[in-house]
Protein backbone atom coordinates (compact mmCIF):
# COMPACT_ATOMS: atom_id res chain seq x y z
CA UNK A 1 4.45 -3.65 20.90
CA UNK A 2 5.47 -7.22 20.09
CA UNK A 3 4.56 -8.50 16.63
CA UNK A 4 6.09 -11.97 16.69
CA UNK A 5 8.56 -11.22 13.88
CA UNK A 6 11.77 -9.29 13.48
CA UNK A 7 13.44 -7.21 10.81
CA UNK A 8 15.17 -10.35 9.56
CA UNK A 9 11.75 -11.88 8.79
CA UNK A 10 10.65 -9.07 6.44
CA UNK A 11 11.86 -10.64 3.15
CA UNK A 12 9.92 -13.80 4.02
CA UNK A 13 6.77 -11.95 5.11
CA UNK A 14 6.44 -9.35 2.38
CA UNK A 15 5.37 -11.55 -0.57
CA UNK A 16 2.44 -12.68 1.58
CA UNK A 17 1.71 -9.09 2.60
CA UNK A 18 1.86 -7.91 -1.00
CA UNK A 19 -0.59 -10.63 -2.07
CA UNK A 20 -2.99 -9.58 0.69
CA UNK A 21 -2.60 -5.91 -0.29
CA UNK A 22 -3.34 -6.81 -3.93
CA UNK A 23 -6.45 -8.78 -2.93
CA UNK A 24 -7.82 -5.97 -0.73
CA UNK A 25 -7.16 -3.22 -3.26
CA UNK A 26 -8.71 -5.32 -6.03
CA UNK A 27 -11.77 -6.10 -3.93
CA UNK A 28 -12.44 -2.52 -2.84
CA UNK A 29 -11.16 -0.37 -5.70
CA UNK A 30 -11.36 -2.62 -8.82
CA UNK A 31 -8.14 -1.21 -10.29
CA UNK A 32 -7.47 -1.24 -14.02
CA UNK A 33 -3.76 -1.15 -13.18
CA UNK A 34 -2.00 -2.07 -9.96
CA UNK A 35 1.69 -2.35 -9.14
CA UNK A 36 3.03 -2.98 -5.65
CA UNK A 37 6.74 -2.69 -4.88
CA UNK A 38 8.49 -3.74 -1.69
CA UNK A 39 10.86 -0.96 -0.62
CA UNK A 40 11.64 -2.42 2.81
CA UNK A 41 15.30 -3.09 1.98
CA UNK A 42 15.82 0.68 1.62
CA UNK A 43 14.68 1.22 5.21
CA UNK A 44 16.54 -1.45 7.16
CA UNK A 45 17.17 -0.28 10.69
CA UNK A 46 14.30 2.21 10.77
CA UNK A 47 11.74 1.99 13.57
CA UNK A 48 9.08 0.29 11.47
CA UNK A 49 11.54 -2.25 10.14
CA UNK A 50 12.72 -3.10 13.62
CA UNK A 51 9.09 -3.89 14.46
CA UNK A 52 8.82 -6.14 11.40
CA UNK A 53 6.61 -3.79 9.38
CA UNK A 54 7.11 -3.23 5.65
CA UNK A 55 7.70 -0.22 3.40
CA UNK A 56 5.80 -0.31 0.10
CA UNK A 57 5.05 1.73 -3.01
CA UNK A 58 1.74 1.38 -4.82
CA UNK A 59 0.79 2.65 -8.28
CA UNK A 60 -2.94 2.18 -8.73
CA UNK A 61 -5.34 3.26 -11.47
CA UNK A 62 -9.05 3.06 -10.69
CA UNK A 63 -12.36 4.58 -11.77
CA UNK A 64 -13.07 4.91 -8.03
CA UNK A 65 -10.72 7.93 -8.07
CA UNK A 66 -12.68 9.92 -10.69
CA UNK A 67 -13.55 13.36 -9.34
CA UNK A 68 -11.43 12.93 -6.21
CA UNK A 69 -8.45 14.99 -5.13
CA UNK A 70 -5.18 13.15 -4.31
CA UNK A 71 -5.81 13.18 -0.54
CA UNK A 72 -9.23 11.56 -1.01
CA UNK A 73 -7.67 8.93 -3.27
CA UNK A 74 -5.05 8.12 -0.65
CA UNK A 75 -7.77 7.81 1.97
CA UNK A 76 -9.57 5.28 -0.22
CA UNK A 77 -6.37 3.23 -0.49
CA UNK A 78 -5.82 3.38 3.29
CA UNK A 79 -9.44 2.35 3.90
CA UNK A 80 -9.12 -0.58 1.48
CA UNK A 81 -5.97 -1.80 3.25
CA UNK A 82 -7.72 -1.44 6.61
CA UNK A 83 -5.96 -3.08 9.55
CA UNK A 84 -2.85 -3.81 7.46
CA UNK A 85 -1.92 -0.15 7.92
CA UNK A 86 -1.46 -0.90 11.63
CA UNK A 87 -0.25 -4.51 11.56
CA UNK A 88 1.88 -4.90 8.41
CA UNK A 89 2.68 -1.55 6.79
CA UNK A 90 4.99 1.06 8.28
CA UNK A 91 5.27 3.31 5.22
CA UNK A 92 3.30 3.53 1.99
CA UNK A 93 4.00 5.64 -1.08
CA UNK A 94 0.89 5.98 -3.27
CA UNK A 95 0.44 7.07 -6.87
CA UNK A 96 -3.32 6.99 -7.52
CA UNK A 97 -4.67 7.84 -10.98
CA UNK A 98 -7.84 7.47 -13.02
CA UNK A 99 -8.08 5.38 -16.21
CA UNK A 100 -8.67 8.55 -18.26
CA UNK A 101 -6.26 11.46 -17.79
CA UNK A 102 -9.11 13.87 -18.57
CA UNK A 103 -10.76 12.76 -15.30
CA UNK A 104 -7.80 13.91 -13.19
CA UNK A 105 -8.57 16.50 -10.50
CA UNK A 106 -6.18 18.86 -8.71
């Protein structure tokens, strides 16, 4: 698979990726809190990095997660990010919570 970029391009590409991730997650999940961290530097040399893909951590709080178990919440995040999971993201760590701790499930 040829992506048109290399591991050396990741620092340049990731701010754009993070902005796109933020826009998609905001559009689909209307978060009350959203933090995205680029962890790619911790994974230099790994397969995904060699292909130019990024490693990210997301902390997201959304009413869309009310009544959902963690796996269902993660699936909502993956669905919101859509094709980016194949084209831009190699690894994603997700912390998905509801605005009210009393709404937490599982």
